[in-house]
Full PDB file with SEQRES, HELIX, SHEET, SSBOND, CRYST1, ORIGX, SCALE, CONECT and MASTER records, all heavy atoms in Angstrom:
SEQRES   1 A   41  GLY GLU THR TYR LYS ASP VAL GLU PRO GLU PRO LEU ILE          
SEQRES   2 A   41  TYR GLN VAL THR GLY LEU ILE ILE PRO VAL ASP SER LEU          
SEQRES   3 A   41  LEU SER TRP VAL LYS GLY LEU PRO LEU ALA GLY ASP LYS          
SEQRES   4 A   41  TYR THR                                                      
HELIX    1 AA1 PRO A    9  THR A   17  1                                   9    
HELIX    2 AA2 VAL A   23  TRP A   29  1                                   7    
CRYST1    1.000    1.000    1.000  90.00  90.00  90.00 P 1           1          
ORIGX1      1.000000  0.000000  0.000000        0.00000                         
ORIGX2      0.000000  1.000000  0.000000        0.00000                         
ORIGX3      0.000000  0.000000  1.000000        0.00000                         
SCALE1      1.000000  0.000000  0.000000        0.00000                         
SCALE2      0.000000  1.000000  0.000000        0.00000                         
SCALE3      0.000000  0.000000  1.000000        0.00000                         
ATOM      1  N   GLY A   1      77.316  39.722 -42.451  1.00  0.00           N  
ATOM      2  CA  GLY A   1      78.695  39.580 -42.057  1.00  0.00           C  
ATOM      3  C   GLY A   1      79.294  38.182 -42.043  1.00  0.00           C  
ATOM      4  O   GLY A   1      80.479  37.967 -41.635  1.00  0.00           O  
ATOM      5  N   GLU A   2      78.518  37.200 -42.264  1.00  0.00           N  
ATOM      6  CA  GLU A   2      78.911  35.804 -42.251  1.00  0.00           C  
ATOM      7  C   GLU A   2      78.935  35.187 -43.635  1.00  0.00           C  
ATOM      8  O   GLU A   2      78.224  35.684 -44.532  1.00  0.00           O  
ATOM      9  CB  GLU A   2      78.068  34.983 -41.360  1.00  0.00           C  
ATOM     10  CG  GLU A   2      77.828  35.427 -39.901  1.00  0.00           C  
ATOM     11  CD  GLU A   2      79.171  35.222 -39.126  1.00  0.00           C  
ATOM     12  OE1 GLU A   2      79.954  34.312 -39.557  1.00  0.00           O  
ATOM     13  OE2 GLU A   2      79.368  35.884 -38.176  1.00  0.00           O  
ATOM     14  N   THR A   3      79.841  34.178 -43.824  1.00  0.00           N  
ATOM     15  CA  THR A   3      79.927  33.500 -45.136  1.00  0.00           C  
ATOM     16  C   THR A   3      79.576  31.986 -44.901  1.00  0.00           C  
ATOM     17  O   THR A   3      80.107  31.434 -43.927  1.00  0.00           O  
ATOM     18  CB  THR A   3      81.342  33.588 -45.722  1.00  0.00           C  
ATOM     19  OG1 THR A   3      81.629  35.000 -45.899  1.00  0.00           O  
ATOM     20  CG2 THR A   3      81.474  32.908 -47.001  1.00  0.00           C  
ATOM     21  N   TYR A   4      78.755  31.479 -45.760  1.00  0.00           N  
ATOM     22  CA  TYR A   4      78.340  30.081 -45.664  1.00  0.00           C  
ATOM     23  C   TYR A   4      78.548  29.417 -46.990  1.00  0.00           C  
ATOM     24  O   TYR A   4      78.436  29.994 -48.073  1.00  0.00           O  
ATOM     25  CB  TYR A   4      76.862  29.981 -45.448  1.00  0.00           C  
ATOM     26  CG  TYR A   4      76.352  30.806 -44.167  1.00  0.00           C  
ATOM     27  CD1 TYR A   4      76.113  32.212 -44.311  1.00  0.00           C  
ATOM     28  CD2 TYR A   4      76.229  30.190 -42.935  1.00  0.00           C  
ATOM     29  CE1 TYR A   4      75.611  32.926 -43.211  1.00  0.00           C  
ATOM     30  CE2 TYR A   4      75.809  30.960 -41.808  1.00  0.00           C  
ATOM     31  CZ  TYR A   4      75.575  32.280 -41.946  1.00  0.00           C  
ATOM     32  OH  TYR A   4      75.166  33.105 -40.856  1.00  0.00           O  
ATOM     33  N   LYS A   5      78.918  28.135 -46.960  1.00  0.00           N  
ATOM     34  CA  LYS A   5      79.291  27.362 -48.210  1.00  0.00           C  
ATOM     35  C   LYS A   5      78.561  26.065 -48.214  1.00  0.00           C  
ATOM     36  O   LYS A   5      78.344  25.399 -47.184  1.00  0.00           O  
ATOM     37  CB  LYS A   5      80.798  27.157 -48.272  1.00  0.00           C  
ATOM     38  CG  LYS A   5      81.580  28.449 -48.433  1.00  0.00           C  
ATOM     39  CD  LYS A   5      83.092  28.153 -48.485  1.00  0.00           C  
ATOM     40  CE  LYS A   5      83.918  29.415 -48.597  1.00  0.00           C  
ATOM     41  NZ  LYS A   5      85.416  29.163 -48.719  1.00  0.00           N  
ATOM     42  N   ASP A   6      78.188  25.639 -49.435  1.00  0.00           N  
ATOM     43  CA  ASP A   6      77.556  24.297 -49.580  1.00  0.00           C  
ATOM     44  C   ASP A   6      77.738  23.939 -51.101  1.00  0.00           C  
ATOM     45  O   ASP A   6      78.114  24.829 -51.916  1.00  0.00           O  
ATOM     46  CB  ASP A   6      76.089  24.390 -49.233  1.00  0.00           C  
ATOM     47  CG  ASP A   6      75.545  22.928 -48.852  1.00  0.00           C  
ATOM     48  OD1 ASP A   6      75.941  21.986 -49.521  1.00  0.00           O  
ATOM     49  OD2 ASP A   6      74.765  22.796 -47.932  1.00  0.00           O  
ATOM     50  N   VAL A   7      77.496  22.714 -51.365  1.00  0.00           N  
ATOM     51  CA  VAL A   7      77.509  22.284 -52.785  1.00  0.00           C  
ATOM     52  C   VAL A   7      76.250  22.819 -53.516  1.00  0.00           C  
ATOM     53  O   VAL A   7      76.380  23.365 -54.610  1.00  0.00           O  
ATOM     54  CB  VAL A   7      77.533  20.755 -52.890  1.00  0.00           C  
ATOM     55  CG1 VAL A   7      77.471  20.331 -54.342  1.00  0.00           C  
ATOM     56  CG2 VAL A   7      78.897  20.227 -52.232  1.00  0.00           C  
ATOM     57  N   GLU A   8      75.147  22.776 -52.822  1.00  0.00           N  
ATOM     58  CA  GLU A   8      73.899  23.190 -53.508  1.00  0.00           C  
ATOM     59  C   GLU A   8      73.455  24.488 -52.901  1.00  0.00           C  
ATOM     60  O   GLU A   8      73.611  24.813 -51.689  1.00  0.00           O  
ATOM     61  CB  GLU A   8      72.772  22.133 -53.318  1.00  0.00           C  
ATOM     62  CG  GLU A   8      73.089  20.782 -53.894  1.00  0.00           C  
ATOM     63  CD  GLU A   8      73.195  20.857 -55.391  1.00  0.00           C  
ATOM     64  OE1 GLU A   8      72.530  21.694 -55.940  1.00  0.00           O  
ATOM     65  OE2 GLU A   8      73.809  19.981 -55.999  1.00  0.00           O  
ATOM     66  N   PRO A   9      72.827  25.374 -53.708  1.00  0.00           N  
ATOM     67  CA  PRO A   9      72.428  26.729 -53.214  1.00  0.00           C  
ATOM     68  C   PRO A   9      71.141  26.704 -52.331  1.00  0.00           C  
ATOM     69  O   PRO A   9      71.057  27.495 -51.436  1.00  0.00           O  
ATOM     70  CB  PRO A   9      72.171  27.477 -54.476  1.00  0.00           C  
ATOM     71  CG  PRO A   9      71.835  26.442 -55.544  1.00  0.00           C  
ATOM     72  CD  PRO A   9      72.635  25.280 -55.164  1.00  0.00           C  
ATOM     73  N   GLU A  10      70.212  25.883 -52.641  1.00  0.00           N  
ATOM     74  CA  GLU A  10      68.933  25.919 -51.952  1.00  0.00           C  
ATOM     75  C   GLU A  10      69.091  25.656 -50.451  1.00  0.00           C  
ATOM     76  O   GLU A  10      68.455  26.422 -49.631  1.00  0.00           O  
ATOM     77  CB  GLU A  10      67.977  24.907 -52.532  1.00  0.00           C  
ATOM     78  CG  GLU A  10      66.531  25.088 -51.942  1.00  0.00           C  
ATOM     79  CD  GLU A  10      65.526  24.153 -52.721  1.00  0.00           C  
ATOM     80  OE1 GLU A  10      65.600  24.009 -53.971  1.00  0.00           O  
ATOM     81  OE2 GLU A  10      64.649  23.618 -52.122  1.00  0.00           O  
ATOM     82  N   PRO A  11      69.855  24.650 -49.973  1.00  0.00           N  
ATOM     83  CA  PRO A  11      70.024  24.490 -48.500  1.00  0.00           C  
ATOM     84  C   PRO A  11      70.669  25.741 -47.804  1.00  0.00           C  
ATOM     85  O   PRO A  11      70.302  26.084 -46.665  1.00  0.00           O  
ATOM     86  CB  PRO A  11      70.974  23.283 -48.417  1.00  0.00           C  
ATOM     87  CG  PRO A  11      70.773  22.569 -49.586  1.00  0.00           C  
ATOM     88  CD  PRO A  11      70.487  23.575 -50.707  1.00  0.00           C  
ATOM     89  N   LEU A  12      71.547  26.427 -48.516  1.00  0.00           N  
ATOM     90  CA  LEU A  12      72.159  27.611 -47.969  1.00  0.00           C  
ATOM     91  C   LEU A  12      71.125  28.676 -47.734  1.00  0.00           C  
ATOM     92  O   LEU A  12      71.054  29.355 -46.683  1.00  0.00           O  
ATOM     93  CB  LEU A  12      73.214  28.126 -48.918  1.00  0.00           C  
ATOM     94  CG  LEU A  12      74.627  27.596 -48.862  1.00  0.00           C  
ATOM     95  CD1 LEU A  12      75.532  28.226 -49.822  1.00  0.00           C  
ATOM     96  CD2 LEU A  12      75.204  27.677 -47.364  1.00  0.00           C  
ATOM     97  N   ILE A  13      70.216  28.911 -48.739  1.00  0.00           N  
ATOM     98  CA  ILE A  13      69.220  29.981 -48.603  1.00  0.00           C  
ATOM     99  C   ILE A  13      68.362  29.620 -47.428  1.00  0.00           C  
ATOM    100  O   ILE A  13      67.986  30.489 -46.580  1.00  0.00           O  
ATOM    101  CB  ILE A  13      68.466  30.061 -49.887  1.00  0.00           C  
ATOM    102  CG1 ILE A  13      69.313  30.524 -51.118  1.00  0.00           C  
ATOM    103  CG2 ILE A  13      67.257  31.001 -49.746  1.00  0.00           C  
ATOM    104  CD1 ILE A  13      68.619  30.626 -52.430  1.00  0.00           C  
ATOM    105  N   TYR A  14      67.929  28.377 -47.362  1.00  0.00           N  
ATOM    106  CA  TYR A  14      67.057  27.983 -46.237  1.00  0.00           C  
ATOM    107  C   TYR A  14      67.701  28.099 -44.916  1.00  0.00           C  
ATOM    108  O   TYR A  14      67.141  28.548 -43.924  1.00  0.00           O  
ATOM    109  CB  TYR A  14      66.585  26.553 -46.403  1.00  0.00           C  
ATOM    110  CG  TYR A  14      65.615  26.093 -45.437  1.00  0.00           C  
ATOM    111  CD1 TYR A  14      64.299  26.510 -45.416  1.00  0.00           C  
ATOM    112  CD2 TYR A  14      66.031  25.276 -44.335  1.00  0.00           C  
ATOM    113  CE1 TYR A  14      63.400  26.111 -44.453  1.00  0.00           C  
ATOM    114  CE2 TYR A  14      65.169  24.827 -43.313  1.00  0.00           C  
ATOM    115  CZ  TYR A  14      63.864  25.231 -43.390  1.00  0.00           C  
ATOM    116  OH  TYR A  14      62.936  24.932 -42.412  1.00  0.00           O  
ATOM    117  N   GLN A  15      68.995  27.736 -44.807  1.00  0.00           N  
ATOM    118  CA  GLN A  15      69.738  27.785 -43.594  1.00  0.00           C  
ATOM    119  C   GLN A  15      69.820  29.223 -43.070  1.00  0.00           C  
ATOM    120  O   GLN A  15      69.582  29.495 -41.835  1.00  0.00           O  
ATOM    121  CB  GLN A  15      71.183  27.296 -43.726  1.00  0.00           C  
ATOM    122  CG  GLN A  15      72.022  27.395 -42.522  1.00  0.00           C  
ATOM    123  CD  GLN A  15      73.481  27.023 -42.810  1.00  0.00           C  
ATOM    124  OE1 GLN A  15      73.786  26.583 -43.871  1.00  0.00           O  
ATOM    125  NE2 GLN A  15      74.381  27.275 -41.848  1.00  0.00           N  
ATOM    126  N   VAL A  16      70.018  30.142 -43.945  1.00  0.00           N  
ATOM    127  CA  VAL A  16      70.227  31.587 -43.522  1.00  0.00           C  
ATOM    128  C   VAL A  16      68.924  32.375 -43.347  1.00  0.00           C  
ATOM    129  O   VAL A  16      68.737  33.153 -42.520  1.00  0.00           O  
ATOM    130  CB  VAL A  16      71.228  32.304 -44.458  1.00  0.00           C  
ATOM    131  CG1 VAL A  16      71.389  33.740 -44.120  1.00  0.00           C  
ATOM    132  CG2 VAL A  16      72.536  31.593 -44.487  1.00  0.00           C  
ATOM    133  N   THR A  17      67.983  32.088 -44.285  1.00  0.00           N  
ATOM    134  CA  THR A  17      66.796  32.955 -44.383  1.00  0.00           C  
ATOM    135  C   THR A  17      65.533  32.217 -43.886  1.00  0.00           C  
ATOM    136  O   THR A  17      64.499  32.892 -43.583  1.00  0.00           O  
ATOM    137  CB  THR A  17      66.545  33.462 -45.758  1.00  0.00           C  
ATOM    138  OG1 THR A  17      66.151  32.406 -46.665  1.00  0.00           O  
ATOM    139  CG2 THR A  17      67.754  34.160 -46.347  1.00  0.00           C  
ATOM    140  N   GLY A  18      65.569  30.892 -43.923  1.00  0.00           N  
ATOM    141  CA  GLY A  18      64.383  30.101 -43.612  1.00  0.00           C  
ATOM    142  C   GLY A  18      63.437  29.983 -44.785  1.00  0.00           C  
ATOM    143  O   GLY A  18      62.303  29.480 -44.598  1.00  0.00           O  
ATOM    144  N   LEU A  19      63.875  30.478 -45.928  1.00  0.00           N  
ATOM    145  CA  LEU A  19      63.025  30.435 -47.140  1.00  0.00           C  
ATOM    146  C   LEU A  19      63.377  29.278 -48.005  1.00  0.00           C  
ATOM    147  O   LEU A  19      64.538  28.954 -48.206  1.00  0.00           O  
ATOM    148  CB  LEU A  19      63.184  31.807 -47.856  1.00  0.00           C  
ATOM    149  CG  LEU A  19      62.742  32.995 -47.180  1.00  0.00           C  
ATOM    150  CD1 LEU A  19      63.211  34.249 -47.978  1.00  0.00           C  
ATOM    151  CD2 LEU A  19      61.159  33.072 -47.097  1.00  0.00           C  
ATOM    152  N   ILE A  20      62.302  28.754 -48.652  1.00  0.00           N  
ATOM    153  CA  ILE A  20      62.600  27.687 -49.684  1.00  0.00           C  
ATOM    154  C   ILE A  20      62.467  28.337 -50.998  1.00  0.00           C  
ATOM    155  O   ILE A  20      61.394  28.811 -51.424  1.00  0.00           O  
ATOM    156  CB  ILE A  20      61.504  26.538 -49.522  1.00  0.00           C  
ATOM    157  CG1 ILE A  20      61.612  25.923 -48.175  1.00  0.00           C  
ATOM    158  CG2 ILE A  20      61.690  25.518 -50.670  1.00  0.00           C  
ATOM    159  CD1 ILE A  20      60.511  24.909 -47.944  1.00  0.00           C  
ATOM    160  N   ILE A  21      63.572  28.520 -51.690  1.00  0.00           N  
ATOM    161  CA  ILE A  21      63.593  29.136 -53.063  1.00  0.00           C  
ATOM    162  C   ILE A  21      64.277  28.148 -54.012  1.00  0.00           C  
ATOM    163  O   ILE A  21      65.421  27.898 -53.828  1.00  0.00           O  
ATOM    164  CB  ILE A  21      64.382  30.454 -53.053  1.00  0.00           C  
ATOM    165  CG1 ILE A  21      63.798  31.473 -51.964  1.00  0.00           C  
ATOM    166  CG2 ILE A  21      64.347  31.107 -54.465  1.00  0.00           C  
ATOM    167  CD1 ILE A  21      64.548  32.771 -51.918  1.00  0.00           C  
ATOM    168  N   PRO A  22      63.538  27.638 -54.989  1.00  0.00           N  
ATOM    169  CA  PRO A  22      64.109  26.601 -55.848  1.00  0.00           C  
ATOM    170  C   PRO A  22      64.958  27.279 -56.994  1.00  0.00           C  
ATOM    171  O   PRO A  22      64.597  27.230 -58.188  1.00  0.00           O  
ATOM    172  CB  PRO A  22      62.897  25.933 -56.415  1.00  0.00           C  
ATOM    173  CG  PRO A  22      61.864  27.033 -56.471  1.00  0.00           C  
ATOM    174  CD  PRO A  22      62.072  27.937 -55.252  1.00  0.00           C  
ATOM    175  N   VAL A  23      66.089  27.802 -56.602  1.00  0.00           N  
ATOM    176  CA  VAL A  23      66.868  28.591 -57.554  1.00  0.00           C  
ATOM    177  C   VAL A  23      67.334  27.818 -58.752  1.00  0.00           C  
ATOM    178  O   VAL A  23      67.382  28.352 -59.879  1.00  0.00           O  
ATOM    179  CB  VAL A  23      68.029  29.269 -56.852  1.00  0.00           C  
ATOM    180  CG1 VAL A  23      67.562  30.427 -55.998  1.00  0.00           C  
ATOM    181  CG2 VAL A  23      68.900  28.246 -56.105  1.00  0.00           C  
ATOM    182  N   ASP A  24      67.638  26.522 -58.640  1.00  0.00           N  
ATOM    183  CA  ASP A  24      68.114  25.758 -59.767  1.00  0.00           C  
ATOM    184  C   ASP A  24      67.042  25.661 -60.752  1.00  0.00           C  
ATOM    185  O   ASP A  24      67.225  25.829 -61.966  1.00  0.00           O  
ATOM    186  CB  ASP A  24      68.575  24.335 -59.303  1.00  0.00           C  
ATOM    187  CG  ASP A  24      69.982  24.316 -58.762  1.00  0.00           C  
ATOM    188  OD1 ASP A  24      70.761  25.261 -59.037  1.00  0.00           O  
ATOM    189  OD2 ASP A  24      70.284  23.497 -57.914  1.00  0.00           O  
ATOM    190  N   SER A  25      65.805  25.247 -60.370  1.00  0.00           N  
ATOM    191  CA  SER A  25      64.677  25.167 -61.248  1.00  0.00           C  
ATOM    192  C   SER A  25      64.286  26.572 -61.794  1.00  0.00           C  
ATOM    193  O   SER A  25      63.896  26.703 -62.964  1.00  0.00           O  
ATOM    194  CB  SER A  25      63.483  24.526 -60.566  1.00  0.00           C  
ATOM    195  OG  SER A  25      63.780  23.278 -60.061  1.00  0.00           O  
ATOM    196  N   LEU A  26      64.455  27.624 -60.974  1.00  0.00           N  
ATOM    197  CA  LEU A  26      64.070  28.962 -61.349  1.00  0.00           C  
ATOM    198  C   LEU A  26      64.915  29.451 -62.542  1.00  0.00           C  
ATOM    199  O   LEU A  26      64.452  30.341 -63.254  1.00  0.00           O  
ATOM    200  CB  LEU A  26      64.175  29.876 -60.203  1.00  0.00           C  
ATOM    201  CG  LEU A  26      62.876  30.108 -59.430  1.00  0.00           C  
ATOM    202  CD1 LEU A  26      63.138  31.071 -58.159  1.00  0.00           C  
ATOM    203  CD2 LEU A  26      61.821  30.769 -60.329  1.00  0.00           C  
ATOM    204  N   LEU A  27      66.116  28.906 -62.734  1.00  0.00           N  
ATOM    205  CA  LEU A  27      66.923  29.388 -63.831  1.00  0.00           C  
ATOM    206  C   LEU A  27      66.180  29.143 -65.127  1.00  0.00           C  
ATOM    207  O   LEU A  27      66.385  29.895 -66.144  1.00  0.00           O  
ATOM    208  CB  LEU A  27      68.221  28.628 -63.836  1.00  0.00           C  
ATOM    209  CG  LEU A  27      69.283  28.969 -62.798  1.00  0.00           C  
ATOM    210  CD1 LEU A  27      70.443  28.001 -62.810  1.00  0.00           C  
ATOM    211  CD2 LEU A  27      69.793  30.408 -62.983  1.00  0.00           C  
ATOM    212  N   SER A  28      65.418  28.071 -65.225  1.00  0.00           N  
ATOM    213  CA  SER A  28      64.522  27.891 -66.371  1.00  0.00           C  
ATOM    214  C   SER A  28      63.123  28.512 -66.243  1.00  0.00           C  
ATOM    215  O   SER A  28      62.683  29.219 -67.095  1.00  0.00           O  
ATOM    216  CB  SER A  28      64.447  26.344 -66.652  1.00  0.00           C  
ATOM    217  OG  SER A  28      65.585  25.824 -67.004  1.00  0.00           O  
ATOM    218  N   TRP A  29      62.544  28.266 -65.104  1.00  0.00           N  
ATOM    219  CA  TRP A  29      61.131  28.725 -64.904  1.00  0.00           C  
ATOM    220  C   TRP A  29      61.007  30.176 -65.015  1.00  0.00           C  
ATOM    221  O   TRP A  29      60.036  30.704 -65.561  1.00  0.00           O  
ATOM    222  CB  TRP A  29      60.635  28.353 -63.509  1.00  0.00           C  
ATOM    223  CG  TRP A  29      60.388  26.841 -63.342  1.00  0.00           C  
ATOM    224  CD1 TRP A  29      60.346  25.880 -64.336  1.00  0.00           C  
ATOM    225  CD2 TRP A  29      60.212  26.114 -62.106  1.00  0.00           C  
ATOM    226  NE1 TRP A  29      60.081  24.646 -63.809  1.00  0.00           N  
ATOM    227  CE2 TRP A  29      60.063  24.752 -62.539  1.00  0.00           C  
ATOM    228  CE3 TRP A  29      60.261  26.505 -60.818  1.00  0.00           C  
ATOM    229  CZ2 TRP A  29      59.838  23.749 -61.547  1.00  0.00           C  
ATOM    230  CZ3 TRP A  29      60.002  25.466 -59.899  1.00  0.00           C  
ATOM    231  CH2 TRP A  29      59.881  24.179 -60.214  1.00  0.00           C  
ATOM    232  N   VAL A  30      62.031  31.033 -64.581  1.00  0.00           N  
ATOM    233  CA  VAL A  30      61.877  32.388 -64.555  1.00  0.00           C  
ATOM    234  C   VAL A  30      61.821  32.944 -65.989  1.00  0.00           C  
ATOM    235  O   VAL A  30      61.324  34.128 -66.227  1.00  0.00           O  
ATOM    236  CB  VAL A  30      63.058  33.044 -63.745  1.00  0.00           C  
ATOM    237  CG1 VAL A  30      64.324  33.093 -64.544  1.00  0.00           C  
ATOM    238  CG2 VAL A  30      62.685  34.385 -63.252  1.00  0.00           C  
ATOM    239  N   LYS A  31      62.318  32.219 -66.958  1.00  0.00           N  
ATOM    240  CA  LYS A  31      62.268  32.624 -68.338  1.00  0.00           C  
ATOM    241  C   LYS A  31      60.985  32.157 -69.011  1.00  0.00           C  
ATOM    242  O   LYS A  31      60.786  32.380 -70.225  1.00  0.00           O  
ATOM    243  CB  LYS A  31      63.429  32.014 -69.128  1.00  0.00           C  
ATOM    244  CG  LYS A  31      64.826  32.481 -68.594  1.00  0.00           C  
ATOM    245  CD  LYS A  31      65.995  31.940 -69.466  1.00  0.00           C  
ATOM    246  CE  LYS A  31      66.017  30.413 -69.400  1.00  0.00           C  
ATOM    247  NZ  LYS A  31      67.184  29.925 -70.217  1.00  0.00           N  
ATOM    248  N   GLY A  32      60.166  31.400 -68.274  1.00  0.00           N  
ATOM    249  CA  GLY A  32      59.030  30.820 -68.950  1.00  0.00           C  
ATOM    250  C   GLY A  32      59.282  29.518 -69.640  1.00  0.00           C  
ATOM    251  O   GLY A  32      58.584  29.225 -70.614  1.00  0.00           O  
ATOM    252  N   LEU A  33      60.325  28.825 -69.226  1.00  0.00           N  
ATOM    253  CA  LEU A  33      60.737  27.632 -69.865  1.00  0.00           C  
ATOM    254  C   LEU A  33      60.448  26.396 -68.940  1.00  0.00           C  
ATOM    255  O   LEU A  33      61.122  26.277 -67.897  1.00  0.00           O  
ATOM    256  CB  LEU A  33      62.189  27.698 -70.189  1.00  0.00           C  
ATOM    257  CG  LEU A  33      62.819  26.455 -70.911  1.00  0.00           C  
ATOM    258  CD1 LEU A  33      62.218  26.310 -72.281  1.00  0.00           C  
ATOM    259  CD2 LEU A  33      64.343  26.630 -71.018  1.00  0.00           C  
ATOM    260  N   PRO A  34      59.504  25.531 -69.316  1.00  0.00           N  
ATOM    261  CA  PRO A  34      59.229  24.365 -68.435  1.00  0.00           C  
ATOM    262  C   PRO A  34      60.473  23.397 -68.464  1.00  0.00           C  
ATOM    263  O   PRO A  34      61.248  23.284 -69.446  1.00  0.00           O  
ATOM    264  CB  PRO A  34      58.060  23.630 -69.144  1.00  0.00           C  
ATOM    265  CG  PRO A  34      57.487  24.748 -69.945  1.00  0.00           C  
ATOM    266  CD  PRO A  34      58.561  25.603 -70.483  1.00  0.00           C  
ATOM    267  N   LEU A  35      60.723  22.698 -67.361  1.00  0.00           N  
ATOM    268  CA  LEU A  35      61.667  21.657 -67.302  1.00  0.00           C  
ATOM    269  C   LEU A  35      61.074  20.336 -67.859  1.00  0.00           C  
ATOM    270  O   LEU A  35      59.828  20.246 -67.985  1.00  0.00           O  
ATOM    271  CB  LEU A  35      62.169  21.410 -65.860  1.00  0.00           C  
ATOM    272  CG  LEU A  35      62.859  22.571 -65.180  1.00  0.00           C  
ATOM    273  CD1 LEU A  35      62.976  22.336 -63.712  1.00  0.00           C  
ATOM    274  CD2 LEU A  35      64.233  22.791 -65.837  1.00  0.00           C  
ATOM    275  N   ALA A  36      61.971  19.432 -68.217  1.00  0.00           N  
ATOM    276  CA  ALA A  36      61.482  18.058 -68.748  1.00  0.00           C  
ATOM    277  C   ALA A  36      60.489  17.489 -67.693  1.00  0.00           C  
ATOM    278  O   ALA A  36      60.851  17.368 -66.512  1.00  0.00           O  
ATOM    279  CB  ALA A  36      62.681  17.223 -69.020  1.00  0.00           C  
ATOM    280  N   GLY A  37      59.408  17.120 -68.168  1.00  0.00           N  
ATOM    281  CA  GLY A  37      58.396  16.491 -67.288  1.00  0.00           C  
ATOM    282  C   GLY A  37      57.402  17.351 -66.652  1.00  0.00           C  
ATOM    283  O   GLY A  37      56.343  16.929 -66.108  1.00  0.00           O  
ATOM    284  N   ASP A  38      57.647  18.730 -66.665  1.00  0.00           N  
ATOM    285  CA  ASP A  38      56.665  19.625 -66.214  1.00  0.00           C  
ATOM    286  C   ASP A  38      55.359  19.608 -67.049  1.00  0.00           C  
ATOM    287  O   ASP A  38      55.415  19.572 -68.245  1.00  0.00           O  
ATOM    288  CB  ASP A  38      57.250  21.092 -66.221  1.00  0.00           C  
ATOM    289  CG  ASP A  38      58.272  21.338 -65.198  1.00  0.00           C  
ATOM    290  OD1 ASP A  38      58.470  20.550 -64.225  1.00  0.00           O  
ATOM    291  OD2 ASP A  38      58.975  22.348 -65.266  1.00  0.00           O  
ATOM    292  N   LYS A  39      54.327  19.757 -66.382  1.00  0.00           N  
ATOM    293  CA  LYS A  39      53.046  19.919 -67.030  1.00  0.00           C  
ATOM    294  C   LYS A  39      52.669  21.419 -67.170  1.00  0.00           C  
ATOM    295  O   LYS A  39      52.914  22.156 -66.227  1.00  0.00           O  
ATOM    296  CB  LYS A  39      51.889  19.236 -66.193  1.00  0.00           C  
ATOM    297  CG  LYS A  39      52.022  17.735 -66.037  1.00  0.00           C  
ATOM    298  CD  LYS A  39      50.885  17.199 -65.166  1.00  0.00           C  
ATOM    299  CE  LYS A  39      50.981  15.706 -65.030  1.00  0.00           C  
ATOM    300  NZ  LYS A  39      49.930  15.170 -64.162  1.00  0.00           N  
ATOM    301  N   TYR A  40      52.312  21.840 -68.317  1.00  0.00           N  
ATOM    302  CA  TYR A  40      52.072  23.274 -68.480  1.00  0.00           C  
ATOM    303  C   TYR A  40      50.823  23.586 -69.356  1.00  0.00           C  
ATOM    304  O   TYR A  40      50.438  22.703 -70.220  1.00  0.00           O  
ATOM    305  CB  TYR A  40      53.332  24.008 -69.055  1.00  0.00           C  
ATOM    306  CG  TYR A  40      53.788  23.485 -70.329  1.00  0.00           C  
ATOM    307  CD1 TYR A  40      53.364  24.080 -71.570  1.00  0.00           C  
ATOM    308  CD2 TYR A  40      54.666  22.494 -70.453  1.00  0.00           C  
ATOM    309  CE1 TYR A  40      53.810  23.669 -72.765  1.00  0.00           C  
ATOM    310  CE2 TYR A  40      55.180  22.041 -71.705  1.00  0.00           C  
ATOM    311  CZ  TYR A  40      54.760  22.614 -72.868  1.00  0.00           C  
ATOM    312  OH  TYR A  40      55.234  22.222 -74.060  1.00  0.00           O  
ATOM    313  N   THR A  41      50.284  24.793 -69.195  1.00  0.00           N  
ATOM    314  CA  THR A  41      49.236  25.272 -70.027  1.00  0.00           C  
ATOM    315  C   THR A  41      49.701  26.517 -70.698  1.00  0.00           C  
ATOM    316  O   THR A  41      50.679  27.050 -70.377  1.00  0.00           O  
ATOM    317  CB  THR A  41      47.940  25.562 -69.188  1.00  0.00           C  
ATOM    318  OG1 THR A  41      48.313  26.728 -68.307  1.00  0.00           O  
ATOM    319  CG2 THR A  41      47.471  24.412 -68.369  1.00  0.00           C  
TER     320      THR A  41                                                      
MASTER        0    0    0    2    0    0    0    6  319    1    0    4          
END                                                                             
């Protein structure tokens, strides 16, 4: 029943749920796409 606002999504998720979810990075990772600089096998 509450609304929270921020520039970045990750601090909002942590503030409300206590969870660290890297949603920005997950936009790529969830597809199986490494970000620049990621090490992968």
